[in-house]
Structures are given as structure tokens and as C-alpha cells.
Amino acid sequence: MRSFKILLITLLVAMMAGAGPAFSVGTAAAAQPFKILALGSSLTQGYGLPPGTEFPVQLQAALKKAGIDAVVTNAGVSADTSAGGLARLDWSLADHPDAVILELGSNDMLRATPPSETEKNLRAILTKLKAAHVRVLLTGMHAQRNLGADYVRQFDAIYPRLAKDYNVLFYPFFLDGVALNPKLNQADGMHPNPAGVKVIVARMLPLVKKLVKG
């Protein structure tokens, strides 16, 4: 009887020891930060900005301040177009982000690329992200009014249509509250300064929180 008790105690200890690592692994996995990929142009990349003031950096800091453990990866490329973003999408997703903030199309517009081409590329990107089960926050852009009424109408309609078709979170204008404000832009009048990026982050933050919560 005594030998049986010793054997039983030994088995229980072994089982508890075996369960330990599994519990630790599960706990560690649950503690992983939420991964956000900011895929975009110079507006995301941080053209002309001092290091540490770029959109992804300020957004990550704002999320942390809100108690959200997230890592925001800067996948912005200066002068990039929707076609360029599509071409580099696969390797941009190599780290398997949980979500993507998509900011592309501004350079298409500046080059007067046909809106149909921009929409085609963005649709291809969104289709791939949906297939990969990656959450998306789509940010829109407005066409410069000197491109003509027809171009403006066609371009501006791209983003709300895509947001509806793909049922993704939508921030209508990336530069909302910043565009055309000299105090919030660099000397070129096109790229936000650090204060401008702060405004963008503050205005977009509620949607990014929804993105994280799913």
C-alpha cells in the first residue's frame, strides 16, 4: 500500500511538471503584442521628419499610452504607388501581421494615374489581405482639385467604394485636419511635420483601437 502511494505521488508530480511548460508556452503566446503593418507611401514612411516622429512611431506610442500592447511596423516607401505597394505586398507580409493600415494612392493621383488603375491595384491588395485573414484599416486620399472635376469625382470615389465592398474599417482622408494647414506641414506643403503627424494619429486612434479589438 505504501509503495502504491509513493508511485501515485510520483505520477502526480510528473504530470504537474509536464503541464508546466505547456502552460508557460500558452501564457507567452497570449502575451505577444498585436502586430500592425503600416503599408503606404512617404506619408507613412515619414519623409522629411526627424527620427522618432514618423506616423508608425507616434501611433505605437499612442496605443501604448492607451494601454494597448502593439508593434507598428513602418512599411512606408517614399514615392510609392498602389502598383508598387501591390508588388511588395507578399514580402511585406512575411512577418505575418495581425492587421494592416493601408495608405496608398496619393502618388497615383499626383501622377494623374487613371483612377481605374489605382482601384484595380488596391482591390488586388485588399483581396490578398482578406485571403490571409489580416484585418484592415483603409485610409483614403482626396484628389487635388486642379486635376479636373471628372478625375476628382472618379478618384475620390475609390476609397469609400472599396471600404464597402471589402467591409473594412475606413478612415476617409489620411490628412484630415492637416492638409493645407501651414502650421502642420513641412515647407513643401504636402508632407506633415511632427505636429501634423500627431494630429493624424489622434484622429485615427479610435479606429485603430477598433482594428485591434477586431
C-alpha atoms as a PDB file:
ATOM      1  CA  MET A   1       0.000   0.000   0.000  1.00  0.00           C
ATOM      2  CA  ARG A   2       2.828   2.359   0.914  1.00  0.00           C
ATOM      3  CA  SER A   3       4.573   1.596  -2.388  1.00  0.00           C
ATOM      4  CA  PHE A   4       1.351   2.371  -4.265  1.00  0.00           C
ATOM      5  CA  LYS A   5       1.056   5.775  -2.537  1.00  0.00           C
ATOM      6  CA  ILE A   6       4.645   6.605  -3.410  1.00  0.00           C
ATOM      7  CA  LEU A   7       4.022   5.610  -7.031  1.00  0.00           C
ATOM      8  CA  LEU A   8       0.844   7.725  -7.161  1.00  0.00           C
ATOM      9  CA  ILE A   9       2.610  10.777  -5.734  1.00  0.00           C
ATOM     10  CA  THR A  10       5.455  10.307  -8.222  1.00  0.00           C
ATOM     11  CA  LEU A  11       2.980  10.181 -11.134  1.00  0.00           C
ATOM     12  CA  LEU A  12       1.174  13.315  -9.948  1.00  0.00           C
ATOM     13  CA  VAL A  13       4.437  15.232  -9.637  1.00  0.00           C
ATOM     14  CA  ALA A  14       5.463  14.118 -13.127  1.00  0.00           C
ATOM     15  CA  MET A  15       2.121  15.185 -14.581  1.00  0.00           C
ATOM     16  CA  MET A  16       2.347  18.611 -12.931  1.00  0.00           C
ATOM     17  CA  ALA A  17       5.889  19.041 -14.179  1.00  0.00           C
ATOM     18  CA  GLY A  18       4.798  18.075 -17.672  1.00  0.00           C
ATOM     19  CA  ALA A  19       1.941  20.576 -17.599  1.00  0.00           C
ATOM     20  CA  GLY A  20       4.245  23.395 -16.534  1.00  0.00           C
ATOM     21  CA  PRO A  21       5.980  24.092 -19.841  1.00  0.00           C
ATOM     22  CA  ALA A  22       2.710  23.850 -21.797  1.00  0.00           C
ATOM     23  CA  PHE A  23       1.159  26.473 -19.547  1.00  0.00           C
ATOM     24  CA  SER A  24       4.202  28.699 -19.888  1.00  0.00           C
ATOM     25  CA  VAL A  25       4.141  28.496 -23.666  1.00  0.00           C
ATOM     26  CA  GLY A  26       0.440  29.342 -23.757  1.00  0.00           C
ATOM     27  CA  THR A  27       0.945  32.290 -21.434  1.00  0.00           C
ATOM     28  CA  ALA A  28       3.860  33.560 -23.514  1.00  0.00           C
ATOM     29  CA  ALA A  29       1.838  33.255 -26.714  1.00  0.00           C
ATOM     30  CA  ALA A  30      -1.046  35.183 -25.205  1.00  0.00           C
ATOM     31  CA  ALA A  31       1.327  37.959 -24.177  1.00  0.00           C
ATOM     32  CA  GLN A  32       2.587  38.616 -27.710  1.00  0.00           C
ATOM     33  CA  PRO A  33       1.962  42.207 -28.862  1.00  0.00           C
ATOM     34  CA  PHE A  34      -0.576  42.889 -31.594  1.00  0.00           C
ATOM     35  CA  LYS A  35       1.304  43.391 -34.871  1.00  0.00           C
ATOM     36  CA  ILE A  36       0.243  46.199 -37.190  1.00  0.00           C
ATOM     37  CA  LEU A  37       1.838  46.782 -40.583  1.00  0.00           C
ATOM     38  CA  ALA A  38       1.603  50.374 -41.829  1.00  0.00           C
ATOM     39  CA  LEU A  39       1.763  49.944 -45.607  1.00  0.00           C
ATOM     40  CA  GLY A  40       1.994  53.185 -47.500  1.00  0.00           C
ATOM     41  CA  SER A  41       3.876  55.996 -49.156  1.00  0.00           C
ATOM     42  CA  SER A  42       6.052  58.820 -47.843  1.00  0.00           C
ATOM     43  CA  LEU A  43       3.163  59.871 -45.587  1.00  0.00           C
ATOM     44  CA  THR A  44       3.642  56.614 -43.685  1.00  0.00           C
ATOM     45  CA  GLN A  45       7.408  56.375 -44.166  1.00  0.00           C
ATOM     46  CA  GLY A  46       7.984  59.795 -42.611  1.00  0.00           C
ATOM     47  CA  TYR A  47       9.530  61.850 -45.399  1.00  0.00           C
ATOM     48  CA  GLY A  48      11.455  64.835 -44.009  1.00  0.00           C
ATOM     49  CA  LEU A  49      10.652  64.020 -40.400  1.00  0.00           C
ATOM     50  CA  PRO A  50      13.141  63.727 -37.512  1.00  0.00           C
ATOM     51  CA  PRO A  51      13.632  60.087 -36.445  1.00  0.00           C
ATOM     52  CA  GLY A  52      11.065  59.041 -33.884  1.00  0.00           C
ATOM     53  CA  THR A  53       8.292  61.339 -35.125  1.00  0.00           C
ATOM     54  CA  GLU A  54       7.032  59.217 -38.024  1.00  0.00           C
ATOM     55  CA  PHE A  55       3.401  58.051 -38.161  1.00  0.00           C
ATOM     56  CA  PRO A  56       4.103  54.409 -37.147  1.00  0.00           C
ATOM     57  CA  VAL A  57       6.250  55.503 -34.192  1.00  0.00           C
ATOM     58  CA  GLN A  58       3.753  58.060 -32.907  1.00  0.00           C
ATOM     59  CA  LEU A  59       0.876  55.615 -33.389  1.00  0.00           C
ATOM     60  CA  GLN A  60       2.623  52.872 -31.439  1.00  0.00           C
ATOM     61  CA  ALA A  61       3.311  55.330 -28.619  1.00  0.00           C
ATOM     62  CA  ALA A  62      -0.326  56.449 -28.587  1.00  0.00           C
ATOM     63  CA  LEU A  63      -1.518  52.844 -28.405  1.00  0.00           C
ATOM     64  CA  LYS A  64       0.862  52.124 -25.546  1.00  0.00           C
ATOM     65  CA  LYS A  65      -0.416  55.178 -23.699  1.00  0.00           C
ATOM     66  CA  ALA A  66      -3.929  53.794 -24.179  1.00  0.00           C
ATOM     67  CA  GLY A  67      -2.841  50.506 -22.593  1.00  0.00           C
ATOM     68  CA  ILE A  68      -2.637  48.554 -25.853  1.00  0.00           C
ATOM     69  CA  ASP A  69       0.428  46.379 -26.416  1.00  0.00           C
ATOM     70  CA  ALA A  70       1.060  46.727 -30.144  1.00  0.00           C
ATOM     71  CA  VAL A  71       4.006  46.946 -32.517  1.00  0.00           C
ATOM     72  CA  VAL A  72       3.551  49.162 -35.572  1.00  0.00           C
ATOM     73  CA  THR A  73       5.961  48.319 -38.391  1.00  0.00           C
ATOM     74  CA  ASN A  74       6.867  51.055 -40.850  1.00  0.00           C
ATOM     75  CA  ALA A  75       6.315  49.682 -44.362  1.00  0.00           C
ATOM     76  CA  GLY A  76       6.090  53.084 -45.987  1.00  0.00           C
ATOM     77  CA  VAL A  77       8.136  53.822 -49.103  1.00  0.00           C
ATOM     78  CA  SER A  78       8.628  57.340 -50.362  1.00  0.00           C
ATOM     79  CA  ALA A  79       7.058  57.977 -53.805  1.00  0.00           C
ATOM     80  CA  ASP A  80       5.397  54.550 -53.773  1.00  0.00           C
ATOM     81  CA  THR A  81       2.248  53.955 -55.793  1.00  0.00           C
ATOM     82  CA  SER A  82      -0.578  51.467 -55.484  1.00  0.00           C
ATOM     83  CA  ALA A  83       1.222  49.316 -58.067  1.00  0.00           C
ATOM     84  CA  GLY A  84       4.418  49.437 -56.019  1.00  0.00           C
ATOM     85  CA  GLY A  85       2.561  48.508 -52.860  1.00  0.00           C
ATOM     86  CA  LEU A  86       0.987  45.530 -54.599  1.00  0.00           C
ATOM     87  CA  ALA A  87       4.356  44.404 -55.964  1.00  0.00           C
ATOM     88  CA  ARG A  88       5.937  44.320 -52.497  1.00  0.00           C
ATOM     89  CA  LEU A  89       2.914  43.084 -50.572  1.00  0.00           C
ATOM     90  CA  ASP A  90       3.947  39.433 -50.258  1.00  0.00           C
ATOM     91  CA  TRP A  91       7.307  40.127 -48.648  1.00  0.00           C
ATOM     92  CA  SER A  92       5.798  42.912 -46.556  1.00  0.00           C
ATOM     93  CA  LEU A  93       3.540  40.262 -45.004  1.00  0.00           C
ATOM     94  CA  ALA A  94       6.435  37.906 -44.243  1.00  0.00           C
ATOM     95  CA  ASP A  95       6.223  38.694 -40.519  1.00  0.00           C
ATOM     96  CA  HIS A  96       2.510  37.750 -40.503  1.00  0.00           C
ATOM     97  CA  PRO A  97       0.978  40.959 -39.127  1.00  0.00           C
ATOM     98  CA  ASP A  98      -2.376  40.821 -37.392  1.00  0.00           C
ATOM     99  CA  ALA A  99      -3.569  43.945 -39.187  1.00  0.00           C
ATOM    100  CA  VAL A 100      -2.624  46.397 -41.928  1.00  0.00           C
ATOM    101  CA  ILE A 101      -3.185  50.131 -42.147  1.00  0.00           C
ATOM    102  CA  LEU A 102      -3.327  50.729 -45.896  1.00  0.00           C
ATOM    103  CA  GLU A 103      -2.289  54.176 -47.112  1.00  0.00           C
ATOM    104  CA  LEU A 104      -1.657  54.198 -50.860  1.00  0.00           C
ATOM    105  CA  GLY A 105      -2.846  56.147 -53.877  1.00  0.00           C
ATOM    106  CA  SER A 106      -1.600  59.673 -53.231  1.00  0.00           C
ATOM    107  CA  ASN A 107       1.285  59.311 -55.665  1.00  0.00           C
ATOM    108  CA  ASP A 108      -1.011  57.736 -58.245  1.00  0.00           C
ATOM    109  CA  MET A 109      -3.080  60.898 -58.018  1.00  0.00           C
ATOM    110  CA  LEU A 110      -0.057  63.210 -58.280  1.00  0.00           C
ATOM    111  CA  ARG A 111       0.955  61.362 -61.447  1.00  0.00           C
ATOM    112  CA  ALA A 112      -2.611  61.548 -62.755  1.00  0.00           C
ATOM    113  CA  THR A 113      -2.757  57.767 -62.994  1.00  0.00           C
ATOM    114  CA  PRO A 114      -6.193  56.684 -64.223  1.00  0.00           C
ATOM    115  CA  PRO A 115      -8.360  56.098 -61.134  1.00  0.00           C
ATOM    116  CA  SER A 116      -9.418  52.741 -62.569  1.00  0.00           C
ATOM    117  CA  GLU A 117      -5.794  51.555 -62.375  1.00  0.00           C
ATOM    118  CA  THR A 118      -5.414  52.727 -58.791  1.00  0.00           C
ATOM    119  CA  GLU A 119      -8.635  50.981 -57.807  1.00  0.00           C
ATOM    120  CA  LYS A 120      -7.565  47.784 -59.566  1.00  0.00           C
ATOM    121  CA  ASN A 121      -4.298  47.689 -57.593  1.00  0.00           C
ATOM    122  CA  LEU A 122      -5.944  48.478 -54.277  1.00  0.00           C
ATOM    123  CA  ARG A 123      -8.538  45.778 -54.892  1.00  0.00           C
ATOM    124  CA  ALA A 124      -5.762  43.275 -55.516  1.00  0.00           C
ATOM    125  CA  ILE A 125      -4.096  44.275 -52.243  1.00  0.00           C
ATOM    126  CA  LEU A 126      -7.333  44.016 -50.266  1.00  0.00           C
ATOM    127  CA  THR A 127      -8.139  40.668 -51.842  1.00  0.00           C
ATOM    128  CA  LYS A 128      -4.774  39.279 -50.747  1.00  0.00           C
ATOM    129  CA  LEU A 129      -5.164  40.659 -47.240  1.00  0.00           C
ATOM    130  CA  LYS A 130      -8.620  39.135 -46.950  1.00  0.00           C
ATOM    131  CA  ALA A 131      -7.314  35.767 -48.121  1.00  0.00           C
ATOM    132  CA  ALA A 132      -4.562  35.985 -45.490  1.00  0.00           C
ATOM    133  CA  HIS A 133      -7.167  36.790 -42.789  1.00  0.00           C
ATOM    134  CA  VAL A 134      -5.470  40.087 -41.982  1.00  0.00           C
ATOM    135  CA  ARG A 135      -7.575  42.886 -40.527  1.00  0.00           C
ATOM    136  CA  VAL A 136      -7.532  46.134 -42.499  1.00  0.00           C
ATOM    137  CA  LEU A 137      -7.924  49.823 -41.835  1.00  0.00           C
ATOM    138  CA  LEU A 138      -8.188  51.545 -45.209  1.00  0.00           C
ATOM    139  CA  THR A 139      -7.218  55.222 -45.294  1.00  0.00           C
ATOM    140  CA  GLY A 140      -8.471  57.399 -48.110  1.00  0.00           C
ATOM    141  CA  MET A 141      -6.997  60.241 -50.113  1.00  0.00           C
ATOM    142  CA  HIS A 142      -8.556  63.215 -51.892  1.00  0.00           C
ATOM    143  CA  ALA A 143      -7.539  64.266 -55.381  1.00  0.00           C
ATOM    144  CA  GLN A 144      -6.173  67.745 -55.981  1.00  0.00           C
ATOM    145  CA  ARG A 145      -8.920  69.875 -57.422  1.00  0.00           C
ATOM    146  CA  ASN A 146      -6.771  71.188 -60.292  1.00  0.00           C
ATOM    147  CA  LEU A 147      -6.902  67.730 -61.899  1.00  0.00           C
ATOM    148  CA  GLY A 148     -10.401  68.436 -63.127  1.00  0.00           C
ATOM    149  CA  ALA A 149     -13.882  67.597 -61.915  1.00  0.00           C
ATOM    150  CA  ASP A 150     -14.090  64.229 -63.666  1.00  0.00           C
ATOM    151  CA  TYR A 151     -10.777  62.988 -62.282  1.00  0.00           C
ATOM    152  CA  VAL A 152     -11.631  64.240 -58.775  1.00  0.00           C
ATOM    153  CA  ARG A 153     -15.023  62.534 -58.826  1.00  0.00           C
ATOM    154  CA  GLN A 154     -13.599  59.212 -60.006  1.00  0.00           C
ATOM    155  CA  PHE A 155     -10.586  59.218 -57.688  1.00  0.00           C
ATOM    156  CA  ASP A 156     -12.386  60.312 -54.518  1.00  0.00           C
ATOM    157  CA  ALA A 157     -14.989  57.581 -55.017  1.00  0.00           C
ATOM    158  CA  ILE A 158     -12.391  54.785 -54.968  1.00  0.00           C
ATOM    159  CA  TYR A 159     -11.873  54.516 -51.221  1.00  0.00           C
ATOM    160  CA  PRO A 160     -15.439  54.525 -49.854  1.00  0.00           C
ATOM    161  CA  ARG A 161     -16.405  52.008 -52.536  1.00  0.00           C
ATOM    162  CA  LEU A 162     -13.549  49.676 -51.597  1.00  0.00           C
ATOM    163  CA  ALA A 163     -14.307  50.011 -47.889  1.00  0.00           C
ATOM    164  CA  LYS A 164     -17.902  48.982 -48.548  1.00  0.00           C
ATOM    165  CA  ASP A 165     -17.036  46.167 -50.947  1.00  0.00           C
ATOM    166  CA  TYR A 166     -14.469  44.612 -48.604  1.00  0.00           C
ATOM    167  CA  ASN A 167     -16.232  45.511 -45.342  1.00  0.00           C
ATOM    168  CA  VAL A 168     -13.113  47.022 -43.767  1.00  0.00           C
ATOM    169  CA  LEU A 169     -12.605  49.869 -41.327  1.00  0.00           C
ATOM    170  CA  PHE A 170     -12.342  53.159 -43.191  1.00  0.00           C
ATOM    171  CA  TYR A 171     -10.656  56.474 -42.398  1.00  0.00           C
ATOM    172  CA  PRO A 172     -11.829  58.730 -45.250  1.00  0.00           C
ATOM    173  CA  PHE A 173      -8.857  61.113 -45.530  1.00  0.00           C
ATOM    174  CA  PHE A 174      -5.392  60.359 -44.170  1.00  0.00           C
ATOM    175  CA  LEU A 175      -4.522  64.077 -43.963  1.00  0.00           C
ATOM    176  CA  ASP A 176      -7.785  65.100 -42.308  1.00  0.00           C
ATOM    177  CA  GLY A 177      -7.257  68.196 -40.176  1.00  0.00           C
ATOM    178  CA  VAL A 178      -3.725  68.623 -41.513  1.00  0.00           C
ATOM    179  CA  ALA A 179      -3.932  69.294 -45.253  1.00  0.00           C
ATOM    180  CA  LEU A 180      -3.440  72.940 -46.278  1.00  0.00           C
ATOM    181  CA  ASN A 181      -2.518  73.998 -42.730  1.00  0.00           C
ATOM    182  CA  PRO A 182       0.971  75.590 -42.863  1.00  0.00           C
ATOM    183  CA  LYS A 183       1.473  75.066 -39.135  1.00  0.00           C
ATOM    184  CA  LEU A 184       1.053  71.311 -39.516  1.00  0.00           C
ATOM    185  CA  ASN A 185       3.002  70.754 -42.730  1.00  0.00           C
ATOM    186  CA  GLN A 186       6.583  70.910 -43.898  1.00  0.00           C
ATOM    187  CA  ALA A 187       7.797  73.589 -46.290  1.00  0.00           C
ATOM    188  CA  ASP A 188       6.638  71.597 -49.329  1.00  0.00           C
ATOM    189  CA  GLY A 189       3.042  71.949 -48.147  1.00  0.00           C
ATOM    190  CA  MET A 190       2.403  68.257 -48.842  1.00  0.00           C
ATOM    191  CA  HIS A 191       4.018  66.291 -46.028  1.00  0.00           C
ATOM    192  CA  PRO A 192       3.013  66.700 -42.376  1.00  0.00           C
ATOM    193  CA  ASN A 193       5.527  67.879 -39.798  1.00  0.00           C
ATOM    194  CA  PRO A 194       5.742  66.158 -36.374  1.00  0.00           C
ATOM    195  CA  ALA A 195       2.824  68.228 -35.061  1.00  0.00           C
ATOM    196  CA  GLY A 196       0.801  67.277 -38.122  1.00  0.00           C
ATOM    197  CA  VAL A 197       1.516  63.587 -37.616  1.00  0.00           C
ATOM    198  CA  LYS A 198       0.376  63.954 -34.016  1.00  0.00           C
ATOM    199  CA  VAL A 199      -2.971  65.279 -35.252  1.00  0.00           C
ATOM    200  CA  ILE A 200      -3.324  62.397 -37.733  1.00  0.00           C
ATOM    201  CA  VAL A 201      -2.605  59.838 -35.018  1.00  0.00           C
ATOM    202  CA  ALA A 202      -5.042  61.430 -32.559  1.00  0.00           C
ATOM    203  CA  ARG A 203      -7.846  61.497 -35.119  1.00  0.00           C
ATOM    204  CA  MET A 204      -7.230  57.966 -36.366  1.00  0.00           C
ATOM    205  CA  LEU A 205      -6.637  56.375 -32.948  1.00  0.00           C
ATOM    206  CA  PRO A 206     -10.287  55.439 -32.215  1.00  0.00           C
ATOM    207  CA  LEU A 207     -10.431  53.417 -35.442  1.00  0.00           C
ATOM    208  CA  VAL A 208      -7.060  51.800 -34.755  1.00  0.00           C
ATOM    209  CA  LYS A 209      -8.389  50.698 -31.357  1.00  0.00           C
ATOM    210  CA  LYS A 210     -11.318  49.063 -33.162  1.00  0.00           C
ATOM    211  CA  LEU A 211      -8.845  47.436 -35.519  1.00  0.00           C
ATOM    212  CA  VAL A 212      -7.007  45.860 -32.596  1.00  0.00           C
ATOM    213  CA  LYS A 213     -10.174  44.717 -30.845  1.00  0.00           C
ATOM    214  CA  GLY A 214     -11.498  43.185 -34.083  1.00  0.00           C
END
